[in-house]
Amino acid sequence: MNQDEPLTPCVHRMTSLGGGHGLYQTLLAARYCCEPRGVTAVVTVADDGGSSGRLRRELGQLPPGDLRMALSALAADDEEGSLWARTLQHRFGGHGALAGHAVGNLLIAGLCDVLGSPQAALDMVAKLTRSYGRVMPVCTEPLDIEADVAGLEHDPRLMRLVRGQVAVATTPGQVRRVRVVPEKPAANPEVLQALRDADLITLGPGSWFSSVIPHLLVPEVVDGLRRTHARKVLVLNLSAEPGETQGFSSERHIHMIRQHAPSLVIDHILVDASSLPSVSERDFIERAAGGLGARVTFRDISQVDEHGRPVPIHDPRKLADALREIMAY
């Protein structure tokens, strides 16, 4: 695909669920395959580290970091929009009270105090950045993640409870199951409307246990995914992540989705072709996908370095092209 060639939108409304850098790349892809202002980002709210964790603890608000990243990805595609995107992502240096805080985090937190609503705050930032769409927290209250982790005791059969997004993401053990606290949280009503209105819904890529699966621990979201008429696509990670999914095969990523949301039905699972070159590995993936009712699509969707070698980052243009093909089935 010619990277300079403009893409014609293939959907009116696209809703993407995730968090962090994985959702950021998906939203860049969404700008190529969705009509302007038709994108909705649905973001996890369990972060407890860094600037987000500090603001969450000090102000009792939703952690703003992943919300900020999504707003940055959707900022207008011109000089002013680019300036806003860089400013939202800018972090203060030094050693004082502001050190490490991102400007966007502080802006969202301040607007939330002034307007009294996290969604109103996010919509106001989107107005400032002339966003391609809206950014929504999956829930209107902050969540905590806790995980059952094996391999932290002398007996590998024993499980230890690990709590907190950062602790789960960096554990040297193997995550077996995650939960959110409070259990069965209420979904943001605007998220449920976005699921109903969408033509295309994506889940992933991202940190599997701390950015992707938490969406599926909100019962109303799973019910909304079951009821929607949208095409639902699970985008697999390009590789296992150090920490929470170290040593996981692509097949096991799918099994984890089914384990945490057994009633979920997905239409397509999108897999990077270069990360699974062998026929046997692809057969395993397709059998696992059958448990979700999904068809597997193998496409080149990774970025390449200056030597033409794949790197573990999704390429927005390639991802957009693959989503367009899926919508054409």
Protein backbone atom coordinates (compact mmCIF):
# COMPACT_ATOMS: atom_id res chain seq x y z
CA MET A 1 0.00 0.00 0.00
CA ASN A 2 1.25 3.47 -0.89
CA GLN A 3 1.77 5.26 2.42
CA ASP A 4 1.01 8.64 0.82
CA GLU A 5 -2.19 7.51 -0.90
CA PRO A 6 -5.33 8.79 0.86
CA LEU A 7 -7.80 6.14 2.00
CA THR A 8 -11.54 6.42 1.46
CA PRO A 9 -13.49 5.86 4.71
CA CYS A 10 -15.04 2.38 4.86
CA VAL A 11 -17.26 2.90 7.93
CA HIS A 12 -19.40 5.70 9.34
CA ARG A 13 -18.78 4.89 13.00
CA MET A 14 -15.95 2.94 14.59
CA THR A 15 -15.58 2.17 18.30
CA SER A 16 -12.18 0.99 19.59
CA LEU A 17 -11.70 -0.55 23.03
CA GLY A 18 -8.29 -0.67 24.66
CA GLY A 19 -5.72 1.50 26.37
CA GLY A 20 -2.17 2.77 26.20
CA HIS A 21 0.05 2.51 23.13
CA GLY A 22 -2.00 -0.25 21.51
CA LEU A 23 -5.14 1.87 21.45
CA TYR A 24 -3.09 4.85 20.26
CA GLN A 25 -2.00 2.96 17.12
CA THR A 26 -5.54 1.69 16.52
CA LEU A 27 -6.92 5.21 16.68
CA LEU A 28 -4.35 6.41 14.15
CA ALA A 29 -5.60 3.60 11.89
CA ALA A 30 -9.23 4.58 12.58
CA ARG A 31 -8.57 8.04 11.15
CA TYR A 32 -7.83 6.38 7.80
CA CYS A 33 -10.85 4.09 7.63
CA CYS A 34 -13.62 5.97 9.42
CA GLU A 35 -15.49 9.14 8.50
CA PRO A 36 -14.29 12.32 10.26
CA ARG A 37 -15.52 12.55 13.84
CA GLY A 38 -16.93 9.05 13.60
CA VAL A 39 -14.35 7.46 15.92
CA THR A 40 -15.04 6.59 19.55
CA ALA A 41 -12.21 5.49 21.84
CA VAL A 42 -13.27 3.47 24.88
CA VAL A 43 -10.50 3.48 27.46
CA THR A 44 -9.67 1.41 30.52
CA VAL A 45 -9.53 3.28 33.84
CA ALA A 46 -7.39 1.06 36.08
CA ASP A 47 -3.97 2.74 35.73
CA ASP A 48 -2.31 3.34 39.09
CA GLY A 49 1.23 4.29 38.08
CA GLY A 50 3.15 7.44 37.25
CA SER A 51 1.38 10.75 36.77
CA SER A 52 -2.01 9.05 36.40
CA GLY A 53 -1.60 7.17 39.64
CA ARG A 54 -0.56 10.30 41.52
CA LEU A 55 -3.57 12.29 40.30
CA ARG A 56 -5.88 9.38 40.99
CA ARG A 57 -4.67 9.07 44.57
CA GLU A 58 -4.53 12.80 45.30
CA LEU A 59 -7.78 13.87 43.62
CA GLY A 60 -9.87 10.70 43.63
CA GLN A 61 -10.44 11.05 39.86
CA LEU A 62 -10.21 8.65 36.96
CA PRO A 63 -6.58 8.04 35.93
CA PRO A 64 -6.18 10.35 32.91
CA GLY A 65 -3.10 8.94 31.16
CA ASP A 66 -4.69 6.51 28.68
CA LEU A 67 -7.52 9.00 28.07
CA ARG A 68 -4.93 11.66 27.25
CA MET A 69 -3.11 9.39 24.81
CA ALA A 70 -6.35 8.67 22.97
CA LEU A 71 -7.14 12.39 22.71
CA SER A 72 -3.67 13.01 21.33
CA ALA A 73 -4.11 10.30 18.69
CA LEU A 74 -7.37 11.88 17.51
CA ALA A 75 -6.26 15.55 17.44
CA ALA A 76 -6.86 17.41 14.19
CA ASP A 77 -4.44 16.71 11.35
CA ASP A 78 -3.04 20.21 10.87
CA GLU A 79 -0.43 22.46 12.47
CA GLU A 80 -2.64 23.53 15.37
CA GLY A 81 -3.86 19.99 16.00
CA SER A 82 -0.27 18.73 15.94
CA LEU A 83 0.69 21.38 18.49
CA TRP A 84 -2.15 20.31 20.77
CA ALA A 85 -1.17 16.64 20.42
CA ARG A 86 2.44 17.39 21.40
CA THR A 87 1.34 19.61 24.27
CA LEU A 88 -1.02 17.00 25.71
CA GLN A 89 1.82 14.48 25.68
CA HIS A 90 4.49 16.85 27.03
CA ARG A 91 5.85 15.93 30.46
CA PHE A 92 7.38 18.36 32.92
CA GLY A 93 10.98 17.69 33.88
CA GLY A 94 12.94 18.66 36.94
CA HIS A 95 12.51 17.42 40.49
CA GLY A 96 9.60 19.46 41.82
CA ALA A 97 5.94 18.67 42.41
CA LEU A 98 5.16 18.78 38.69
CA ALA A 99 8.02 16.51 37.63
CA GLY A 100 6.73 13.62 35.52
CA HIS A 101 3.22 14.99 35.09
CA ALA A 102 1.90 15.19 31.51
CA VAL A 103 0.25 18.49 30.57
CA GLY A 104 -2.79 16.62 29.24
CA ASN A 105 -3.25 14.78 32.52
CA LEU A 106 -3.36 18.07 34.43
CA LEU A 107 -5.70 19.65 31.88
CA ILE A 108 -8.15 16.75 32.09
CA ALA A 109 -7.98 16.73 35.89
CA GLY A 110 -8.57 20.49 36.09
CA LEU A 111 -11.50 20.42 33.67
CA CYS A 112 -12.99 17.50 35.56
CA ASP A 113 -12.94 19.59 38.76
CA VAL A 114 -14.43 22.62 37.00
CA LEU A 115 -17.10 20.80 34.99
CA GLY A 116 -17.86 18.09 37.53
CA SER A 117 -17.83 15.30 34.96
CA PRO A 118 -14.97 13.27 33.42
CA GLN A 119 -16.90 12.87 30.17
CA ALA A 120 -17.56 16.62 29.95
CA ALA A 121 -13.85 17.24 30.57
CA LEU A 122 -12.82 14.85 27.80
CA ASP A 123 -15.34 16.35 25.37
CA MET A 124 -13.98 19.83 26.11
CA VAL A 125 -10.41 18.75 25.37
CA ALA A 126 -11.67 17.10 22.17
CA LYS A 127 -13.26 20.42 21.22
CA LEU A 128 -9.97 22.24 21.82
CA THR A 129 -8.05 19.73 19.69
CA ARG A 130 -10.83 19.53 17.04
CA SER A 131 -10.75 15.79 17.52
CA TYR A 132 -11.65 13.17 14.94
CA GLY A 133 -14.03 11.66 17.48
CA ARG A 134 -14.78 11.18 21.16
CA VAL A 135 -12.85 9.59 24.00
CA MET A 136 -14.83 7.81 26.73
CA PRO A 137 -13.84 6.04 29.93
CA VAL A 138 -15.33 2.54 30.00
CA CYS A 139 -16.59 3.28 33.52
CA THR A 140 -17.13 6.55 35.34
CA GLU A 141 -15.32 5.32 38.47
CA PRO A 142 -11.68 4.24 38.73
CA LEU A 143 -11.09 0.48 38.80
CA ASP A 144 -8.41 -1.66 40.40
CA ILE A 145 -7.01 -4.78 38.77
CA GLU A 146 -6.10 -7.85 40.78
CA ALA A 147 -4.64 -11.05 39.39
CA ASP A 148 -3.99 -14.64 40.39
CA VAL A 149 -0.31 -15.17 39.57
CA ALA A 150 1.62 -18.45 39.50
CA GLY A 151 5.36 -18.87 39.76
CA LEU A 152 5.97 -16.50 42.67
CA GLU A 153 6.19 -19.26 45.29
CA HIS A 154 8.47 -22.27 45.64
CA ASP A 155 5.54 -24.47 44.68
CA PRO A 156 4.56 -23.48 41.10
CA ARG A 157 1.01 -24.69 41.74
CA LEU A 158 0.40 -22.02 44.35
CA MET A 159 -1.21 -18.72 43.38
CA ARG A 160 -0.45 -15.33 44.81
CA LEU A 161 -2.85 -12.40 44.63
CA VAL A 162 -1.25 -9.38 42.94
CA ARG A 163 -3.16 -6.10 42.98
CA GLY A 164 -2.71 -2.96 40.89
CA GLN A 165 -2.22 -2.34 37.17
CA VAL A 166 1.50 -1.67 37.43
CA ALA A 167 2.09 -4.72 39.65
CA VAL A 168 0.15 -6.99 37.29
CA ALA A 169 1.87 -5.59 34.18
CA THR A 170 5.35 -6.12 35.64
CA THR A 171 4.97 -9.34 37.61
CA PRO A 172 7.74 -11.91 37.03
CA GLY A 173 5.13 -14.65 37.53
CA GLN A 174 2.51 -15.90 35.11
CA VAL A 175 -0.94 -14.32 35.24
CA ARG A 176 -3.71 -16.92 35.25
CA ARG A 177 -6.79 -14.75 35.78
CA VAL A 178 -7.62 -11.10 36.42
CA ARG A 179 -10.52 -9.36 38.11
CA VAL A 180 -11.57 -5.76 38.58
CA VAL A 181 -12.53 -4.09 41.84
CA PRO A 182 -15.30 -3.23 42.32
CA GLU A 183 -16.66 -6.43 40.82
CA LYS A 184 -19.17 -6.02 37.99
CA PRO A 185 -18.82 -2.22 37.69
CA ALA A 186 -21.42 -0.19 35.82
CA ALA A 187 -20.45 0.86 32.31
CA ASN A 188 -20.41 4.46 31.14
CA PRO A 189 -23.87 4.79 29.47
CA GLU A 190 -22.30 6.68 26.55
CA VAL A 191 -20.06 3.68 25.87
CA LEU A 192 -23.09 1.42 25.54
CA GLN A 193 -24.60 3.85 23.04
CA ALA A 194 -21.33 3.90 21.08
CA LEU A 195 -21.41 0.09 20.86
CA ARG A 196 -24.98 0.20 19.56
CA ASP A 197 -24.19 2.88 16.96
CA ALA A 198 -20.94 1.41 15.62
CA ASP A 199 -20.42 -0.22 12.24
CA LEU A 200 -17.02 -1.59 13.32
CA ILE A 201 -15.73 -2.39 16.81
CA THR A 202 -12.11 -3.26 17.59
CA LEU A 203 -10.74 -4.82 20.78
CA GLY A 204 -6.98 -4.67 21.26
CA PRO A 205 -4.09 -4.60 20.71
CA GLY A 206 -2.59 -3.65 24.05
CA SER A 207 -1.50 -4.98 27.41
CA TRP A 208 -3.72 -8.05 27.51
CA PHE A 209 -4.51 -8.22 31.22
CA SER A 210 -4.41 -4.51 32.03
CA SER A 211 -5.78 -2.80 28.89
CA VAL A 212 -7.79 -5.33 26.86
CA ILE A 213 -9.42 -7.90 29.15
CA PRO A 214 -10.61 -5.31 31.75
CA HIS A 215 -13.22 -4.15 29.23
CA LEU A 216 -14.63 -7.67 29.26
CA LEU A 217 -14.96 -7.61 33.04
CA VAL A 218 -17.68 -4.96 32.75
CA PRO A 219 -20.82 -7.07 32.23
CA GLU A 220 -22.77 -4.36 30.40
CA VAL A 221 -19.94 -4.00 27.88
CA VAL A 222 -19.95 -7.74 27.12
CA ASP A 223 -23.75 -7.60 26.77
CA GLY A 224 -23.40 -4.58 24.47
CA LEU A 225 -20.88 -6.45 22.33
CA ARG A 226 -23.26 -9.39 22.10
CA ARG A 227 -26.22 -7.23 21.04
CA THR A 228 -24.52 -4.87 18.59
CA HIS A 229 -24.86 -5.30 14.83
CA ALA A 230 -21.32 -3.98 14.29
CA ARG A 231 -18.50 -6.08 12.83
CA LYS A 232 -16.31 -7.05 15.81
CA VAL A 233 -12.56 -7.48 15.32
CA LEU A 234 -10.04 -8.68 17.91
CA VAL A 235 -6.56 -7.35 17.00
CA LEU A 236 -3.85 -9.59 18.46
CA ASN A 237 -0.58 -8.23 19.79
CA LEU A 238 2.49 -8.61 17.63
CA SER A 239 4.39 -10.36 20.41
CA ALA A 240 4.06 -11.39 24.03
CA GLU A 241 4.84 -8.62 26.49
CA PRO A 242 7.54 -8.88 29.16
CA GLY A 243 5.77 -9.35 32.47
CA GLU A 244 2.08 -10.13 32.21
CA THR A 245 2.09 -12.27 29.02
CA GLN A 246 5.71 -13.42 28.90
CA GLY A 247 5.84 -16.76 27.11
CA PHE A 248 2.24 -16.60 25.88
CA SER A 249 1.51 -17.87 22.38
CA SER A 250 -0.97 -16.05 20.17
CA GLU A 251 -3.29 -19.00 20.71
CA ARG A 252 -3.14 -18.52 24.47
CA HIS A 253 -4.05 -14.84 24.13
CA ILE A 254 -7.30 -15.97 22.49
CA HIS A 255 -7.94 -18.59 25.19
CA MET A 256 -7.54 -15.88 27.83
CA ILE A 257 -10.23 -13.79 26.14
CA ARG A 258 -12.61 -16.76 26.11
CA GLN A 259 -11.79 -17.65 29.72
CA HIS A 260 -12.67 -14.18 30.97
CA ALA A 261 -15.70 -13.64 28.71
CA PRO A 262 -17.13 -17.07 27.78
CA SER A 263 -20.26 -15.59 26.19
CA LEU A 264 -18.34 -13.23 23.89
CA VAL A 265 -18.65 -13.76 20.14
CA ILE A 266 -16.14 -12.12 17.78
CA ASP A 267 -16.43 -11.93 13.98
CA HIS A 268 -12.75 -11.65 13.02
CA ILE A 269 -9.36 -12.04 14.69
CA LEU A 270 -6.65 -10.03 12.95
CA VAL A 271 -3.14 -11.50 13.20
CA ASP A 272 0.14 -10.17 11.84
CA ALA A 273 1.27 -12.63 9.18
CA SER A 274 4.99 -12.27 9.93
CA SER A 275 4.58 -13.19 13.60
CA LEU A 276 2.99 -16.57 12.74
CA PRO A 277 4.72 -17.86 9.61
CA SER A 278 4.24 -21.61 10.13
CA VAL A 279 1.17 -23.55 9.00
CA SER A 280 0.90 -25.43 12.32
CA GLU A 281 0.86 -22.20 14.36
CA ARG A 282 -1.85 -20.81 12.12
CA ASP A 283 -3.88 -23.99 12.53
CA PHE A 284 -3.69 -23.62 16.33
CA ILE A 285 -4.88 -20.02 16.05
CA GLU A 286 -7.81 -20.92 13.83
CA ARG A 287 -8.94 -23.68 16.20
CA ALA A 288 -8.75 -21.30 19.16
CA ALA A 289 -10.66 -18.65 17.20
CA GLY A 290 -13.48 -21.14 16.65
CA GLY A 291 -14.26 -20.91 20.37
CA LEU A 292 -15.15 -17.25 19.84
CA GLY A 293 -16.99 -17.92 16.58
CA ALA A 294 -14.33 -15.93 14.76
CA ARG A 295 -12.68 -16.07 11.37
CA VAL A 296 -8.90 -15.43 11.36
CA THR A 297 -7.36 -12.91 8.98
CA PHE A 298 -3.56 -12.95 8.51
CA ARG A 299 -2.15 -9.68 7.15
CA ASP A 300 1.09 -7.70 7.25
CA ILE A 301 0.25 -5.09 9.88
CA SER A 302 3.58 -4.40 11.63
CA GLN A 303 5.92 -1.49 11.14
CA VAL A 304 9.38 -2.11 9.71
CA ASP A 305 12.72 -0.57 10.58
CA GLU A 306 15.15 1.08 8.15
CA HIS A 307 16.38 -2.38 7.13
CA GLY A 308 12.90 -3.65 6.32
CA ARG A 309 12.67 -5.86 9.42
CA PRO A 310 9.35 -6.05 11.33
CA VAL A 311 9.21 -4.24 14.67
CA PRO A 312 6.57 -4.94 17.36
CA ILE A 313 4.46 -1.85 16.66
CA HIS A 314 1.31 -1.86 14.54
CA ASP A 315 1.50 0.25 11.40
CA PRO A 316 -1.62 2.47 11.27
CA ARG A 317 -1.89 2.49 7.47
CA LYS A 318 -1.47 -1.28 7.19
CA LEU A 319 -3.92 -1.83 10.03
CA ALA A 320 -6.44 0.47 8.38
CA ASP A 321 -6.06 -1.40 5.10
CA ALA A 322 -6.64 -4.76 6.85
CA LEU A 323 -9.76 -3.43 8.57
CA ARG A 324 -11.07 -2.19 5.23
CA GLU A 325 -10.62 -5.69 3.79
CA ILE A 326 -12.46 -7.21 6.74
CA MET A 327 -15.36 -4.80 6.31
CA ALA A 328 -15.56 -5.77 2.62
CA TYR A 329 -16.12 -9.50 3.40
